[in-house]
Amino acid sequence: MRWCVVNLKLFSVYGVKVVSDSPRYIEYANGLASGFYIDTFNIWYVGYVVYLLVIFKVFSAGIAGAVVGQYVLSFVSVIALYRTLSCFQSRQSAPLLPPCCSLLFPTSRSGIRTFLRSRYI
């Protein structure tokens, strides 16, 4: 429940942010709608582009729909992470393990940037 409240607050404050590389993903997704082709510059991000294509074409949603979809995927991943950790740790403190690991291991801080970036399209 707290996750929903915090993310609803973040979404209401920040809304949808289009960052510098967003237009190329959207352009590639729209290009894939007319037929499959490989864009050598964006091939590393083809999974995200296919995600955008599904959001745009199947659900007929725009950029806001993509961000809401990212929130839904984030929520599902939090639940999956909690259930996975509860298999290894029987205490209710299982959700505390990932944040502690990210503070203890400096190389995992890039994961925090990735998490925060998932709030943008």
N, C-alpha and C. Protein backbone atom coordinates (compact mmCIF):
# COMPACT_ATOMS: atom_id res chain seq x y z
N MET A 1 0.82 -1.20 0.00
CA MET A 1 0.00 0.00 0.00
C MET A 1 0.87 1.27 0.00
N ARG A 2 1.94 1.24 0.78
CA ARG A 2 2.83 2.41 0.83
C ARG A 2 3.44 2.68 -0.54
N TRP A 3 3.78 1.57 -1.23
CA TRP A 3 4.36 1.71 -2.57
C TRP A 3 3.41 2.48 -3.47
N CYS A 4 2.14 2.15 -3.42
CA CYS A 4 1.15 2.82 -4.27
C CYS A 4 1.02 4.30 -3.92
N VAL A 5 1.01 4.61 -2.64
CA VAL A 5 0.88 6.00 -2.20
C VAL A 5 2.09 6.82 -2.65
N VAL A 6 3.28 6.27 -2.42
CA VAL A 6 4.50 6.99 -2.78
C VAL A 6 4.57 7.22 -4.29
N ASN A 7 4.29 6.19 -5.07
CA ASN A 7 4.38 6.34 -6.51
C ASN A 7 3.26 7.21 -7.08
N LEU A 8 2.09 7.18 -6.49
CA LEU A 8 1.03 8.08 -6.92
C LEU A 8 1.42 9.53 -6.66
N LYS A 9 2.05 9.77 -5.52
CA LYS A 9 2.53 11.12 -5.19
C LYS A 9 3.62 11.56 -6.18
N LEU A 10 4.57 10.65 -6.46
CA LEU A 10 5.63 10.98 -7.42
C LEU A 10 5.06 11.29 -8.80
N PHE A 11 4.09 10.49 -9.22
CA PHE A 11 3.49 10.72 -10.54
C PHE A 11 2.72 12.03 -10.57
N SER A 12 2.01 12.35 -9.48
CA SER A 12 1.24 13.59 -9.46
C SER A 12 2.14 14.82 -9.41
N VAL A 13 3.30 14.70 -8.77
CA VAL A 13 4.23 15.83 -8.69
C VAL A 13 5.02 16.00 -9.98
N TYR A 14 5.58 14.90 -10.49
CA TYR A 14 6.49 14.98 -11.64
C TYR A 14 5.81 14.72 -12.97
N GLY A 15 4.72 13.99 -12.98
CA GLY A 15 4.02 13.70 -14.23
C GLY A 15 4.88 12.88 -15.18
N VAL A 16 4.67 13.09 -16.47
CA VAL A 16 5.41 12.38 -17.50
C VAL A 16 6.58 13.25 -17.93
N LYS A 17 7.77 12.68 -17.87
CA LYS A 17 8.97 13.39 -18.30
C LYS A 17 9.49 12.74 -19.57
N VAL A 18 9.71 13.53 -20.58
CA VAL A 18 10.31 13.03 -21.82
C VAL A 18 11.76 13.48 -21.79
N VAL A 19 12.68 12.51 -21.73
CA VAL A 19 14.09 12.83 -21.65
C VAL A 19 14.72 12.82 -23.03
N SER A 20 16.01 13.10 -23.10
CA SER A 20 16.66 13.35 -24.38
C SER A 20 16.63 12.18 -25.35
N ASP A 21 16.63 10.95 -24.87
CA ASP A 21 16.65 9.81 -25.79
C ASP A 21 15.26 9.22 -26.05
N SER A 22 14.23 9.78 -25.44
CA SER A 22 12.86 9.27 -25.64
C SER A 22 12.38 9.34 -27.08
N PRO A 23 12.62 10.45 -27.79
CA PRO A 23 12.10 10.52 -29.16
C PRO A 23 12.61 9.41 -30.08
N ARG A 24 13.85 8.97 -29.89
CA ARG A 24 14.36 7.92 -30.78
C ARG A 24 13.70 6.58 -30.49
N TYR A 25 13.37 6.30 -29.22
CA TYR A 25 12.65 5.06 -28.91
C TYR A 25 11.24 5.10 -29.48
N ILE A 26 10.59 6.24 -29.33
CA ILE A 26 9.23 6.38 -29.84
C ILE A 26 9.23 6.29 -31.37
N GLU A 27 10.20 6.92 -32.01
CA GLU A 27 10.31 6.85 -33.47
C GLU A 27 10.55 5.42 -33.94
N TYR A 28 11.42 4.70 -33.25
CA TYR A 28 11.71 3.32 -33.61
C TYR A 28 10.47 2.44 -33.40
N ALA A 29 9.73 2.67 -32.31
CA ALA A 29 8.50 1.91 -32.06
C ALA A 29 7.47 2.17 -33.14
N ASN A 30 7.33 3.43 -33.54
CA ASN A 30 6.39 3.75 -34.62
C ASN A 30 6.85 3.16 -35.95
N GLY A 31 8.16 3.10 -36.17
CA GLY A 31 8.70 2.48 -37.37
C GLY A 31 8.44 0.98 -37.40
N LEU A 32 8.54 0.33 -36.24
CA LEU A 32 8.27 -1.10 -36.16
C LEU A 32 6.80 -1.41 -36.41
N ALA A 33 5.93 -0.45 -36.17
CA ALA A 33 4.51 -0.67 -36.41
C ALA A 33 4.24 -0.88 -37.89
N SER A 34 5.05 -0.30 -38.75
CA SER A 34 4.84 -0.46 -40.19
C SER A 34 5.61 -1.65 -40.76
N GLY A 35 6.41 -2.31 -39.94
CA GLY A 35 7.15 -3.49 -40.39
C GLY A 35 8.45 -3.61 -39.63
N PHE A 36 8.91 -4.84 -39.43
CA PHE A 36 10.12 -5.08 -38.64
C PHE A 36 11.36 -4.67 -39.42
N TYR A 37 12.23 -3.96 -38.77
CA TYR A 37 13.55 -3.64 -39.31
C TYR A 37 14.49 -3.46 -38.14
N ILE A 38 15.76 -3.57 -38.41
CA ILE A 38 16.76 -3.44 -37.35
C ILE A 38 17.44 -2.09 -37.49
N ASP A 39 17.32 -1.31 -36.46
CA ASP A 39 18.01 -0.03 -36.37
C ASP A 39 19.29 -0.30 -35.57
N THR A 40 20.42 -0.23 -36.23
CA THR A 40 21.68 -0.62 -35.59
C THR A 40 22.01 0.22 -34.36
N PHE A 41 21.56 1.46 -34.33
CA PHE A 41 21.85 2.31 -33.18
C PHE A 41 20.99 1.93 -31.97
N ASN A 42 19.78 1.49 -32.22
CA ASN A 42 18.85 1.19 -31.13
C ASN A 42 18.66 -0.30 -30.87
N ILE A 43 19.44 -1.16 -31.48
CA ILE A 43 19.22 -2.59 -31.33
C ILE A 43 19.36 -3.06 -29.89
N TRP A 44 20.18 -2.38 -29.10
CA TRP A 44 20.36 -2.77 -27.70
C TRP A 44 19.12 -2.50 -26.87
N TYR A 45 18.24 -1.66 -27.36
CA TYR A 45 17.04 -1.29 -26.60
C TYR A 45 15.77 -1.82 -27.24
N VAL A 46 15.89 -2.87 -28.03
CA VAL A 46 14.75 -3.36 -28.78
C VAL A 46 13.64 -3.87 -27.86
N GLY A 47 13.98 -4.38 -26.69
CA GLY A 47 12.96 -4.82 -25.73
C GLY A 47 12.08 -3.68 -25.27
N TYR A 48 12.69 -2.55 -24.96
CA TYR A 48 11.93 -1.38 -24.54
C TYR A 48 11.10 -0.83 -25.70
N VAL A 49 11.66 -0.88 -26.88
CA VAL A 49 10.94 -0.39 -28.06
C VAL A 49 9.73 -1.27 -28.34
N VAL A 50 9.87 -2.58 -28.19
CA VAL A 50 8.73 -3.49 -28.37
C VAL A 50 7.69 -3.23 -27.29
N TYR A 51 8.13 -2.96 -26.06
CA TYR A 51 7.21 -2.58 -25.00
C TYR A 51 6.40 -1.34 -25.39
N LEU A 52 7.09 -0.32 -25.90
CA LEU A 52 6.39 0.89 -26.33
C LEU A 52 5.43 0.59 -27.47
N LEU A 53 5.85 -0.26 -28.40
CA LEU A 53 4.99 -0.63 -29.53
C LEU A 53 3.71 -1.29 -29.04
N VAL A 54 3.83 -2.19 -28.08
CA VAL A 54 2.64 -2.86 -27.52
C VAL A 54 1.73 -1.85 -26.83
N ILE A 55 2.31 -0.97 -26.06
CA ILE A 55 1.51 0.05 -25.36
C ILE A 55 0.80 0.95 -26.37
N PHE A 56 1.52 1.40 -27.39
CA PHE A 56 0.95 2.32 -28.37
C PHE A 56 -0.10 1.67 -29.25
N LYS A 57 0.17 0.46 -29.71
CA LYS A 57 -0.71 -0.15 -30.72
C LYS A 57 -1.77 -1.06 -30.12
N VAL A 58 -1.39 -1.92 -29.20
CA VAL A 58 -2.36 -2.87 -28.65
C VAL A 58 -3.31 -2.18 -27.69
N PHE A 59 -2.77 -1.38 -26.79
CA PHE A 59 -3.60 -0.71 -25.80
C PHE A 59 -4.05 0.68 -26.24
N SER A 60 -3.59 1.13 -27.39
CA SER A 60 -3.93 2.47 -27.92
C SER A 60 -3.70 3.57 -26.90
N ALA A 61 -2.62 3.43 -26.17
CA ALA A 61 -2.28 4.43 -25.16
C ALA A 61 -1.08 5.24 -25.64
N GLY A 62 -0.95 6.42 -25.13
CA GLY A 62 0.16 7.27 -25.51
C GLY A 62 1.31 7.16 -24.53
N ILE A 63 2.05 8.24 -24.42
CA ILE A 63 3.22 8.27 -23.55
C ILE A 63 2.82 8.08 -22.09
N ALA A 64 1.72 8.69 -21.68
CA ALA A 64 1.26 8.51 -20.30
C ALA A 64 0.93 7.05 -20.03
N GLY A 65 0.37 6.36 -21.01
CA GLY A 65 0.08 4.94 -20.87
C GLY A 65 1.34 4.12 -20.68
N ALA A 66 2.42 4.51 -21.37
CA ALA A 66 3.70 3.82 -21.21
C ALA A 66 4.25 4.00 -19.79
N VAL A 67 4.11 5.20 -19.25
CA VAL A 67 4.59 5.46 -17.90
C VAL A 67 3.75 4.70 -16.87
N VAL A 68 2.43 4.70 -17.06
CA VAL A 68 1.56 3.95 -16.15
C VAL A 68 1.89 2.46 -16.23
N GLY A 69 2.15 1.97 -17.43
CA GLY A 69 2.56 0.58 -17.60
C GLY A 69 3.85 0.28 -16.88
N GLN A 70 4.78 1.23 -16.88
CA GLN A 70 6.04 1.04 -16.15
C GLN A 70 5.79 0.98 -14.65
N TYR A 71 4.85 1.77 -14.16
CA TYR A 71 4.49 1.69 -12.75
C TYR A 71 3.90 0.32 -12.42
N VAL A 72 3.05 -0.19 -13.29
CA VAL A 72 2.45 -1.51 -13.06
C VAL A 72 3.53 -2.58 -13.05
N LEU A 73 4.44 -2.54 -14.02
CA LEU A 73 5.54 -3.50 -14.05
C LEU A 73 6.43 -3.37 -12.81
N SER A 74 6.65 -2.16 -12.36
CA SER A 74 7.45 -1.93 -11.16
C SER A 74 6.76 -2.54 -9.94
N PHE A 75 5.46 -2.37 -9.85
CA PHE A 75 4.71 -2.93 -8.72
C PHE A 75 4.77 -4.45 -8.74
N VAL A 76 4.59 -5.04 -9.91
CA VAL A 76 4.67 -6.50 -10.04
C VAL A 76 6.07 -6.99 -9.65
N SER A 77 7.10 -6.26 -10.04
CA SER A 77 8.46 -6.68 -9.70
C SER A 77 8.73 -6.55 -8.20
N VAL A 78 8.15 -5.55 -7.54
CA VAL A 78 8.31 -5.42 -6.09
C VAL A 78 7.66 -6.60 -5.38
N ILE A 79 6.47 -6.99 -5.83
CA ILE A 79 5.79 -8.15 -5.24
C ILE A 79 6.60 -9.42 -5.48
N ALA A 80 7.10 -9.59 -6.70
CA ALA A 80 7.90 -10.78 -7.02
C ALA A 80 9.18 -10.82 -6.20
N LEU A 81 9.83 -9.66 -6.04
CA LEU A 81 11.05 -9.60 -5.23
C LEU A 81 10.75 -9.96 -3.78
N TYR A 82 9.67 -9.44 -3.24
CA TYR A 82 9.30 -9.74 -1.86
C TYR A 82 9.02 -11.23 -1.69
N ARG A 83 8.26 -11.81 -2.62
CA ARG A 83 7.93 -13.24 -2.49
C ARG A 83 9.18 -14.10 -2.66
N THR A 84 10.08 -13.70 -3.53
CA THR A 84 11.31 -14.45 -3.70
C THR A 84 12.16 -14.39 -2.44
N LEU A 85 12.29 -13.19 -1.88
CA LEU A 85 13.09 -13.05 -0.66
C LEU A 85 12.45 -13.75 0.52
N SER A 86 11.13 -13.79 0.57
CA SER A 86 10.48 -14.47 1.69
C SER A 86 10.68 -15.98 1.63
N CYS A 87 11.03 -16.50 0.45
CA CYS A 87 11.39 -17.93 0.35
C CYS A 87 12.72 -18.20 1.05
N PHE A 88 13.59 -17.21 1.04
CA PHE A 88 14.92 -17.37 1.64
C PHE A 88 14.98 -16.89 3.08
N GLN A 89 14.06 -16.02 3.44
CA GLN A 89 14.08 -15.44 4.78
C GLN A 89 12.65 -15.45 5.30
N SER A 90 12.42 -16.10 6.40
CA SER A 90 11.05 -16.26 6.91
C SER A 90 10.55 -15.04 7.68
N ARG A 91 11.42 -14.11 8.00
CA ARG A 91 10.99 -12.93 8.75
C ARG A 91 10.35 -11.89 7.84
N GLN A 92 9.61 -10.97 8.42
CA GLN A 92 8.95 -9.91 7.66
C GLN A 92 9.93 -8.84 7.19
N SER A 93 11.18 -8.93 7.60
CA SER A 93 12.17 -7.93 7.21
C SER A 93 12.77 -8.22 5.83
N ALA A 94 12.20 -9.16 5.10
CA ALA A 94 12.73 -9.52 3.79
C ALA A 94 12.83 -8.33 2.83
N PRO A 95 11.87 -7.42 2.81
CA PRO A 95 12.00 -6.29 1.87
C PRO A 95 13.16 -5.35 2.18
N LEU A 96 13.73 -5.43 3.35
CA LEU A 96 14.84 -4.55 3.70
C LEU A 96 16.16 -5.00 3.09
N LEU A 97 16.23 -6.22 2.64
CA LEU A 97 17.48 -6.75 2.12
C LEU A 97 17.99 -6.01 0.87
N PRO A 98 17.19 -5.78 -0.16
CA PRO A 98 17.73 -5.08 -1.35
C PRO A 98 18.25 -3.68 -1.07
N PRO A 99 17.52 -2.82 -0.31
CA PRO A 99 18.10 -1.50 -0.04
C PRO A 99 19.40 -1.57 0.74
N CYS A 100 19.50 -2.50 1.68
CA CYS A 100 20.75 -2.64 2.43
C CYS A 100 21.88 -3.07 1.52
N CYS A 101 21.59 -3.98 0.61
CA CYS A 101 22.63 -4.43 -0.33
C CYS A 101 23.07 -3.28 -1.23
N SER A 102 22.14 -2.45 -1.65
CA SER A 102 22.52 -1.34 -2.53
C SER A 102 23.37 -0.31 -1.80
N LEU A 103 23.20 -0.20 -0.48
CA LEU A 103 24.04 0.72 0.28
C LEU A 103 25.41 0.11 0.59
N LEU A 104 25.46 -1.20 0.78
CA LEU A 104 26.71 -1.85 1.14
C LEU A 104 27.64 -2.06 -0.05
N PHE A 105 27.06 -2.29 -1.23
CA PHE A 105 27.85 -2.57 -2.41
C PHE A 105 27.76 -1.40 -3.37
N PRO A 106 28.81 -0.58 -3.49
CA PRO A 106 28.75 0.62 -4.31
C PRO A 106 28.49 0.35 -5.79
N THR A 107 28.86 -0.82 -6.27
CA THR A 107 28.63 -1.10 -7.70
C THR A 107 27.16 -1.26 -8.01
N SER A 108 26.34 -1.52 -7.02
CA SER A 108 24.91 -1.70 -7.27
C SER A 108 24.16 -0.37 -7.27
N ARG A 109 24.84 0.72 -7.02
CA ARG A 109 24.16 2.02 -7.02
C ARG A 109 23.66 2.39 -8.39
N SER A 110 24.25 1.83 -9.44
CA SER A 110 23.72 2.09 -10.77
C SER A 110 22.31 1.55 -10.89
N GLY A 111 21.98 0.52 -10.10
CA GLY A 111 20.62 -0.01 -10.08
C GLY A 111 19.64 1.02 -9.56
N ILE A 112 20.07 1.86 -8.62
CA ILE A 112 19.21 2.92 -8.11
C ILE A 112 18.92 3.92 -9.22
N ARG A 113 19.95 4.27 -10.01
CA ARG A 113 19.73 5.19 -11.13
C ARG A 113 18.76 4.57 -12.14
N THR A 114 18.91 3.28 -12.39
CA THR A 114 18.02 2.61 -13.32
C THR A 114 16.60 2.63 -12.79
N PHE A 115 16.41 2.39 -11.48
CA PHE A 115 15.10 2.42 -10.88
C PHE A 115 14.48 3.80 -11.01
N LEU A 116 15.26 4.83 -10.71
CA LEU A 116 14.73 6.19 -10.80
C LEU A 116 14.45 6.56 -12.25
N ARG A 117 15.26 6.08 -13.17
CA ARG A 117 15.05 6.38 -14.58
C ARG A 117 13.80 5.70 -15.11
N SER A 118 13.36 4.63 -14.48
CA SER A 118 12.17 3.94 -14.96
C SER A 118 10.93 4.80 -14.80
N ARG A 119 11.04 5.88 -14.08
CA ARG A 119 9.91 6.79 -13.91
C ARG A 119 9.75 7.72 -15.12
N TYR A 120 10.72 7.71 -15.99
CA TYR A 120 10.68 8.53 -17.18
C TYR A 120 10.43 7.65 -18.39
N ILE A 121 9.98 8.24 -19.45
CA ILE A 121 9.81 7.46 -20.69
C ILE A 121 11.03 7.61 -21.55
